[in-house]
């Protein structure tokens, strides 16, 4: 039973983030917005990541842009390994989502966080990277 609760808590923390701020970016009447979210790495204590999520007004589809910055905020501990989809944010109702993957570079003893948008067709080139040294 405790394993099920642990798995559910990891999934919830991987999907949800705290919305810290919303910034109006363009438009006169209907403004596009940029949301700033934070989330803790669900497996590794001591790392917090900040992502920007663009929101387009009067549209069913948000831009594919992504930005990320991760920082060590306390001593790092936990299951230090690579993992896909530690964060997910839907960018439209069906086929486009922003993800964050964690890569562990054992040789240099750093955690690499990569944010990207995945969609079914078109250009998936928008991405961002952040590196956290493990001390």
N, C-alpha and C. Protein backbone atom coordinates (compact mmCIF):
# COMPACT_ATOMS: atom_id res chain seq x y z
N UNK A 1 0.82 -1.20 0.00
CA UNK A 1 0.00 0.00 0.00
C UNK A 1 0.86 1.26 0.00
N UNK A 2 1.96 1.24 0.78
CA UNK A 2 2.81 2.42 0.84
C UNK A 2 3.50 2.69 -0.50
N UNK A 3 3.79 1.64 -1.27
CA UNK A 3 4.39 1.83 -2.60
C UNK A 3 3.41 2.53 -3.53
N UNK A 4 2.13 2.20 -3.44
CA UNK A 4 1.11 2.84 -4.27
C UNK A 4 1.01 4.32 -3.94
N UNK A 5 1.02 4.64 -2.66
CA UNK A 5 0.95 6.05 -2.24
C UNK A 5 2.18 6.80 -2.72
N UNK A 6 3.37 6.18 -2.65
CA UNK A 6 4.59 6.82 -3.13
C UNK A 6 4.51 7.08 -4.63
N UNK A 7 4.05 6.10 -5.40
CA UNK A 7 3.94 6.26 -6.85
C UNK A 7 2.96 7.37 -7.19
N UNK A 8 1.81 7.40 -6.53
CA UNK A 8 0.82 8.45 -6.78
C UNK A 8 1.38 9.82 -6.44
N UNK A 9 2.09 9.93 -5.32
CA UNK A 9 2.65 11.24 -4.95
C UNK A 9 3.72 11.69 -5.95
N UNK A 10 4.51 10.76 -6.49
CA UNK A 10 5.49 11.12 -7.51
C UNK A 10 4.81 11.59 -8.78
N UNK A 11 3.74 10.90 -9.18
CA UNK A 11 3.03 11.31 -10.39
C UNK A 11 2.39 12.68 -10.23
N UNK A 12 1.80 12.92 -9.07
CA UNK A 12 1.16 14.22 -8.83
C UNK A 12 2.21 15.32 -8.83
N UNK A 13 3.34 15.11 -8.17
CA UNK A 13 4.37 16.15 -8.16
C UNK A 13 5.00 16.34 -9.52
N UNK A 14 5.00 15.30 -10.36
CA UNK A 14 5.57 15.42 -11.70
C UNK A 14 4.66 16.21 -12.62
N UNK A 15 3.37 16.20 -12.36
CA UNK A 15 2.42 16.83 -13.28
C UNK A 15 2.08 18.25 -12.84
N UNK A 16 1.99 18.50 -11.55
CA UNK A 16 1.54 19.79 -11.07
C UNK A 16 2.70 20.65 -10.58
N UNK A 17 2.55 21.93 -10.77
CA UNK A 17 3.55 22.89 -10.33
C UNK A 17 2.83 24.07 -9.70
N UNK A 18 3.58 24.84 -8.96
CA UNK A 18 3.02 26.06 -8.37
C UNK A 18 3.13 27.19 -9.39
N UNK A 19 2.02 27.84 -9.68
CA UNK A 19 2.05 29.01 -10.56
C UNK A 19 2.43 30.21 -9.71
N UNK A 20 3.58 30.80 -10.02
CA UNK A 20 4.11 31.89 -9.23
C UNK A 20 3.66 33.26 -9.72
N UNK A 21 3.51 33.38 -11.05
CA UNK A 21 3.20 34.69 -11.60
C UNK A 21 2.64 34.55 -13.01
N UNK A 22 1.87 35.55 -13.42
CA UNK A 22 1.39 35.66 -14.79
C UNK A 22 1.74 37.06 -15.28
N UNK A 23 2.38 37.12 -16.44
CA UNK A 23 2.85 38.38 -17.01
C UNK A 23 2.14 38.59 -18.34
N UNK A 24 1.52 39.74 -18.52
CA UNK A 24 0.91 40.08 -19.82
C UNK A 24 2.03 40.48 -20.77
N UNK A 25 2.03 39.89 -21.98
CA UNK A 25 3.14 40.12 -22.89
C UNK A 25 2.78 40.88 -24.15
N UNK A 26 1.58 40.70 -24.70
CA UNK A 26 1.22 41.41 -25.92
C UNK A 26 -0.28 41.44 -26.08
N UNK A 27 -0.74 42.30 -26.98
CA UNK A 27 -2.17 42.44 -27.24
C UNK A 27 -2.73 43.68 -26.57
N UNK A 28 -3.77 44.24 -27.19
CA UNK A 28 -4.38 45.44 -26.63
C UNK A 28 -5.58 45.07 -25.77
N UNK A 29 -6.50 44.32 -26.33
CA UNK A 29 -7.70 43.93 -25.60
C UNK A 29 -7.55 42.54 -24.99
N UNK A 30 -7.17 41.57 -25.81
CA UNK A 30 -6.94 40.21 -25.35
C UNK A 30 -5.44 39.97 -25.31
N UNK A 31 -4.90 39.93 -24.12
CA UNK A 31 -3.44 39.88 -23.96
C UNK A 31 -2.94 38.43 -23.88
N UNK A 32 -1.85 38.16 -24.61
CA UNK A 32 -1.13 36.91 -24.42
C UNK A 32 -0.42 37.00 -23.08
N UNK A 33 -0.18 35.85 -22.48
CA UNK A 33 0.42 35.84 -21.15
C UNK A 33 1.59 34.86 -21.08
N UNK A 34 2.43 35.08 -20.11
CA UNK A 34 3.54 34.19 -19.81
C UNK A 34 3.42 33.81 -18.34
N UNK A 35 3.20 32.53 -18.09
CA UNK A 35 3.09 32.05 -16.72
C UNK A 35 4.44 31.51 -16.26
N UNK A 36 4.77 31.78 -15.00
CA UNK A 36 5.99 31.25 -14.39
C UNK A 36 5.56 30.23 -13.34
N UNK A 37 6.05 29.00 -13.51
CA UNK A 37 5.72 27.90 -12.60
C UNK A 37 6.99 27.39 -11.93
N UNK A 38 6.85 26.86 -10.73
CA UNK A 38 7.97 26.18 -10.07
C UNK A 38 7.53 24.78 -9.68
N UNK A 39 8.49 23.86 -9.69
CA UNK A 39 8.21 22.51 -9.22
C UNK A 39 9.49 21.92 -8.65
N UNK A 40 9.32 21.05 -7.66
CA UNK A 40 10.45 20.34 -7.08
C UNK A 40 10.64 19.04 -7.84
N UNK A 41 11.90 18.66 -8.02
CA UNK A 41 12.18 17.38 -8.64
C UNK A 41 11.53 16.30 -7.79
N UNK A 42 10.69 15.43 -8.38
CA UNK A 42 9.95 14.45 -7.59
C UNK A 42 10.81 13.36 -6.96
N UNK A 43 12.02 13.15 -7.47
CA UNK A 43 12.88 12.07 -6.94
C UNK A 43 14.06 12.59 -6.14
N UNK A 44 14.47 13.80 -6.40
CA UNK A 44 15.71 14.32 -5.81
C UNK A 44 15.38 15.54 -4.96
N UNK A 45 15.61 15.41 -3.67
CA UNK A 45 15.38 16.54 -2.78
C UNK A 45 16.49 17.56 -2.96
N UNK A 46 16.11 18.83 -2.87
CA UNK A 46 17.09 19.89 -2.93
C UNK A 46 17.15 20.61 -4.26
N UNK A 47 16.36 20.19 -5.26
CA UNK A 47 16.37 20.85 -6.57
C UNK A 47 14.97 21.39 -6.88
N UNK A 48 14.92 22.66 -7.25
CA UNK A 48 13.68 23.31 -7.69
C UNK A 48 13.91 23.84 -9.09
N UNK A 49 12.92 23.63 -9.96
CA UNK A 49 12.99 24.13 -11.33
C UNK A 49 11.90 25.16 -11.56
N UNK A 50 12.21 26.12 -12.40
CA UNK A 50 11.28 27.17 -12.79
C UNK A 50 11.11 27.11 -14.30
N UNK A 51 9.87 27.06 -14.75
CA UNK A 51 9.59 27.01 -16.19
C UNK A 51 8.63 28.14 -16.56
N UNK A 52 8.76 28.60 -17.80
CA UNK A 52 7.79 29.56 -18.32
C UNK A 52 6.86 28.82 -19.26
N UNK A 53 5.58 29.19 -19.18
CA UNK A 53 4.55 28.56 -20.01
C UNK A 53 3.79 29.69 -20.72
N UNK A 54 4.03 29.87 -22.03
CA UNK A 54 3.30 30.91 -22.76
C UNK A 54 1.84 30.52 -22.97
N UNK A 55 0.94 31.48 -22.84
CA UNK A 55 -0.49 31.27 -23.07
C UNK A 55 -0.96 32.28 -24.10
N UNK A 56 -1.53 31.80 -25.16
CA UNK A 56 -2.03 32.67 -26.23
C UNK A 56 -3.52 32.89 -26.03
N UNK A 57 -3.94 34.15 -25.99
CA UNK A 57 -5.37 34.45 -25.82
C UNK A 57 -6.13 34.12 -27.09
N UNK A 58 -7.37 33.75 -26.93
CA UNK A 58 -8.28 33.43 -28.04
C UNK A 58 -7.71 32.36 -28.97
N UNK A 59 -7.07 31.35 -28.40
CA UNK A 59 -6.49 30.28 -29.20
C UNK A 59 -6.62 28.96 -28.44
N UNK A 60 -6.83 27.87 -29.17
CA UNK A 60 -6.88 26.55 -28.56
C UNK A 60 -5.49 25.95 -28.42
N UNK A 61 -4.50 26.62 -28.99
CA UNK A 61 -3.14 26.07 -28.99
C UNK A 61 -2.16 27.13 -28.51
N UNK A 62 -1.35 26.77 -27.50
CA UNK A 62 -0.34 27.68 -26.99
C UNK A 62 0.96 27.50 -27.77
N UNK A 63 1.85 28.52 -27.75
CA UNK A 63 3.13 28.41 -28.45
C UNK A 63 3.98 27.26 -27.91
N UNK A 64 4.92 26.80 -28.73
CA UNK A 64 5.78 25.69 -28.33
C UNK A 64 7.00 26.15 -27.55
N UNK A 65 7.14 27.44 -27.31
CA UNK A 65 8.30 27.96 -26.59
C UNK A 65 8.39 27.34 -25.20
N UNK A 66 9.63 27.18 -24.73
CA UNK A 66 9.83 26.71 -23.37
C UNK A 66 11.13 27.29 -22.83
N UNK A 67 11.17 27.51 -21.53
CA UNK A 67 12.37 27.98 -20.86
C UNK A 67 12.41 27.33 -19.49
N UNK A 68 13.60 27.03 -19.00
CA UNK A 68 13.75 26.38 -17.71
C UNK A 68 15.00 26.88 -17.01
N UNK A 69 14.92 26.96 -15.69
CA UNK A 69 16.08 27.25 -14.86
C UNK A 69 15.92 26.44 -13.58
N UNK A 70 16.91 25.64 -13.25
CA UNK A 70 16.85 24.79 -12.05
C UNK A 70 17.99 25.17 -11.11
N UNK A 71 17.73 25.11 -9.82
CA UNK A 71 18.71 25.47 -8.81
C UNK A 71 18.70 24.50 -7.64
N UNK A 72 19.88 24.35 -7.04
CA UNK A 72 19.97 23.60 -5.79
C UNK A 72 19.56 24.55 -4.68
N UNK A 73 18.54 24.15 -3.88
CA UNK A 73 18.04 25.00 -2.82
C UNK A 73 18.33 24.44 -1.43
N UNK A 74 18.78 23.19 -1.37
CA UNK A 74 19.17 22.53 -0.13
C UNK A 74 20.06 21.35 -0.52
N UNK A 75 20.63 20.64 0.45
CA UNK A 75 21.48 19.51 0.09
C UNK A 75 20.74 18.50 -0.81
N UNK A 76 21.43 18.04 -1.85
CA UNK A 76 20.83 17.11 -2.81
C UNK A 76 20.91 15.69 -2.28
N UNK A 77 19.76 15.01 -2.32
CA UNK A 77 19.71 13.61 -1.92
C UNK A 77 18.57 12.94 -2.67
N UNK A 78 18.63 11.63 -2.73
CA UNK A 78 17.56 10.88 -3.38
C UNK A 78 18.11 9.94 -4.43
N UNK A 79 17.22 9.47 -5.28
CA UNK A 79 17.55 8.52 -6.33
C UNK A 79 18.12 9.27 -7.54
N UNK A 80 19.43 9.44 -7.57
CA UNK A 80 20.06 10.26 -8.61
C UNK A 80 20.28 9.40 -9.85
N UNK A 81 19.39 9.61 -10.83
CA UNK A 81 19.49 8.92 -12.11
C UNK A 81 18.67 9.70 -13.14
N UNK A 82 18.85 9.34 -14.40
CA UNK A 82 18.08 9.99 -15.47
C UNK A 82 16.63 9.54 -15.39
N UNK A 83 15.72 10.45 -15.81
CA UNK A 83 14.30 10.11 -15.82
C UNK A 83 13.56 11.03 -16.80
N UNK A 84 12.67 10.44 -17.57
CA UNK A 84 11.85 11.21 -18.50
C UNK A 84 10.59 11.73 -17.81
N UNK A 85 10.11 12.84 -18.28
CA UNK A 85 8.81 13.41 -17.91
C UNK A 85 8.64 13.61 -16.40
N UNK A 86 9.59 14.31 -15.79
CA UNK A 86 9.40 14.64 -14.38
C UNK A 86 8.43 15.81 -14.22
N UNK A 87 8.12 16.47 -15.33
CA UNK A 87 7.13 17.55 -15.35
C UNK A 87 6.41 17.51 -16.69
N UNK A 88 5.11 17.79 -16.67
CA UNK A 88 4.32 17.86 -17.91
C UNK A 88 3.32 18.99 -17.80
N UNK A 89 3.20 19.78 -18.87
CA UNK A 89 2.22 20.86 -18.94
C UNK A 89 1.57 20.80 -20.30
N UNK A 90 0.25 20.61 -20.34
CA UNK A 90 -0.46 20.55 -21.61
C UNK A 90 -0.44 21.91 -22.29
N UNK A 91 -0.21 21.91 -23.60
CA UNK A 91 -0.18 23.16 -24.37
C UNK A 91 -1.40 23.29 -25.27
N UNK A 92 -2.17 22.25 -25.42
CA UNK A 92 -3.47 22.33 -26.08
C UNK A 92 -4.30 21.14 -25.61
N UNK A 93 -5.50 21.01 -26.10
CA UNK A 93 -6.41 20.01 -25.56
C UNK A 93 -6.04 18.58 -25.91
N UNK A 94 -5.28 18.36 -26.98
CA UNK A 94 -5.12 16.99 -27.45
C UNK A 94 -3.68 16.52 -27.65
N UNK A 95 -2.88 17.26 -28.41
CA UNK A 95 -1.67 16.63 -28.94
C UNK A 95 -0.35 17.36 -28.64
N UNK A 96 -0.35 18.39 -27.86
CA UNK A 96 0.90 19.11 -27.62
C UNK A 96 1.10 19.32 -26.13
N UNK A 97 2.28 18.93 -25.63
CA UNK A 97 2.61 19.09 -24.22
C UNK A 97 4.06 19.50 -24.06
N UNK A 98 4.34 20.26 -22.99
CA UNK A 98 5.70 20.58 -22.61
C UNK A 98 6.14 19.58 -21.56
N UNK A 99 7.35 19.06 -21.72
CA UNK A 99 7.90 18.08 -20.78
C UNK A 99 9.24 18.58 -20.25
N UNK A 100 9.61 18.05 -19.09
CA UNK A 100 10.95 18.24 -18.56
C UNK A 100 11.53 16.86 -18.27
N UNK A 101 12.71 16.60 -18.83
CA UNK A 101 13.44 15.36 -18.56
C UNK A 101 14.68 15.69 -17.75
N UNK A 102 15.09 14.73 -16.92
CA UNK A 102 16.31 14.88 -16.13
C UNK A 102 17.35 13.89 -16.66
N UNK A 103 18.56 14.38 -16.88
CA UNK A 103 19.67 13.54 -17.32
C UNK A 103 20.76 13.64 -16.27
N UNK A 104 21.26 12.49 -15.83
CA UNK A 104 22.35 12.48 -14.86
C UNK A 104 23.66 12.25 -15.59
N UNK A 105 24.56 13.24 -15.53
CA UNK A 105 25.90 13.13 -16.11
C UNK A 105 26.84 12.70 -14.99
N UNK A 106 27.05 11.38 -14.89
CA UNK A 106 27.86 10.82 -13.80
C UNK A 106 29.32 11.28 -13.89
N UNK A 107 29.84 11.39 -15.11
CA UNK A 107 31.24 11.78 -15.30
C UNK A 107 31.52 13.16 -14.71
N UNK A 108 30.60 14.11 -14.89
CA UNK A 108 30.80 15.47 -14.40
C UNK A 108 30.02 15.77 -13.13
N UNK A 109 29.27 14.78 -12.65
CA UNK A 109 28.49 14.87 -11.41
C UNK A 109 27.53 16.07 -11.43
N UNK A 110 26.72 16.13 -12.49
CA UNK A 110 25.71 17.18 -12.62
C UNK A 110 24.38 16.58 -13.05
N UNK A 111 23.32 17.28 -12.71
CA UNK A 111 21.97 16.97 -13.19
C UNK A 111 21.64 17.96 -14.29
N UNK A 112 21.15 17.44 -15.42
CA UNK A 112 20.80 18.29 -16.55
C UNK A 112 19.29 18.19 -16.74
N UNK A 113 18.63 19.33 -16.77
CA UNK A 113 17.18 19.37 -16.96
C UNK A 113 16.92 19.97 -18.34
N UNK A 114 16.13 19.26 -19.15
CA UNK A 114 15.82 19.69 -20.50
C UNK A 114 14.31 19.86 -20.62
N UNK A 115 13.86 21.06 -21.00
CA UNK A 115 12.44 21.28 -21.26
C UNK A 115 12.24 21.33 -22.77
N UNK A 116 11.16 20.73 -23.22
CA UNK A 116 10.85 20.71 -24.65
C UNK A 116 9.36 20.51 -24.84
N UNK A 117 8.89 20.87 -26.02
CA UNK A 117 7.49 20.67 -26.36
C UNK A 117 7.42 19.57 -27.41
N UNK A 118 6.53 18.63 -27.16
CA UNK A 118 6.33 17.50 -28.06
C UNK A 118 4.97 17.63 -28.70
N UNK A 119 4.93 17.53 -30.03
CA UNK A 119 3.66 17.56 -30.73
C UNK A 119 3.70 16.53 -31.85
N UNK A 120 2.54 16.23 -32.41
CA UNK A 120 2.46 15.17 -33.40
C UNK A 120 3.09 15.52 -34.73
N UNK A 121 3.02 16.79 -35.14
CA UNK A 121 3.57 17.16 -36.43
C UNK A 121 4.24 18.52 -36.33
N UNK A 122 5.10 18.80 -37.30
CA UNK A 122 5.74 20.10 -37.34
C UNK A 122 7.05 20.15 -36.61
N UNK A 123 7.50 21.34 -36.34
CA UNK A 123 8.80 21.58 -35.74
C UNK A 123 8.74 21.39 -34.22
N UNK A 124 9.56 20.51 -33.69
CA UNK A 124 9.66 20.30 -32.25
C UNK A 124 10.96 20.88 -31.69
N UNK A 125 11.51 21.90 -32.32
CA UNK A 125 12.85 22.37 -32.01
C UNK A 125 12.94 23.25 -30.76
N UNK A 126 11.84 23.79 -30.26
CA UNK A 126 11.92 24.68 -29.11
C UNK A 126 12.25 23.89 -27.85
N UNK A 127 13.35 24.26 -27.21
CA UNK A 127 13.79 23.56 -26.01
C UNK A 127 14.67 24.49 -25.19
N UNK A 128 14.95 24.06 -23.98
CA UNK A 128 15.80 24.82 -23.07
C UNK A 128 16.48 23.85 -22.13
N UNK A 129 17.63 24.26 -21.58
CA UNK A 129 18.42 23.36 -20.74
C UNK A 129 18.90 24.12 -19.50
N UNK A 130 19.01 23.38 -18.39
CA UNK A 130 19.55 23.94 -17.16
C UNK A 130 20.39 22.85 -16.48
N UNK A 131 21.52 23.24 -15.89
CA UNK A 131 22.44 22.29 -15.28
C UNK A 131 22.58 22.62 -13.80
N UNK A 132 22.49 21.57 -12.96
CA UNK A 132 22.65 21.72 -11.50
C UNK A 132 23.83 20.85 -11.06
N UNK A 133 24.93 21.47 -10.60
CA UNK A 133 26.05 20.67 -10.09
C UNK A 133 25.67 19.99 -8.78
N UNK A 134 26.14 18.77 -8.59
CA UNK A 134 25.90 18.05 -7.34
C UNK A 134 27.14 18.23 -6.46
N UNK A 135 26.97 18.88 -5.32
CA UNK A 135 28.10 19.15 -4.42
C UNK A 135 28.05 18.19 -3.25
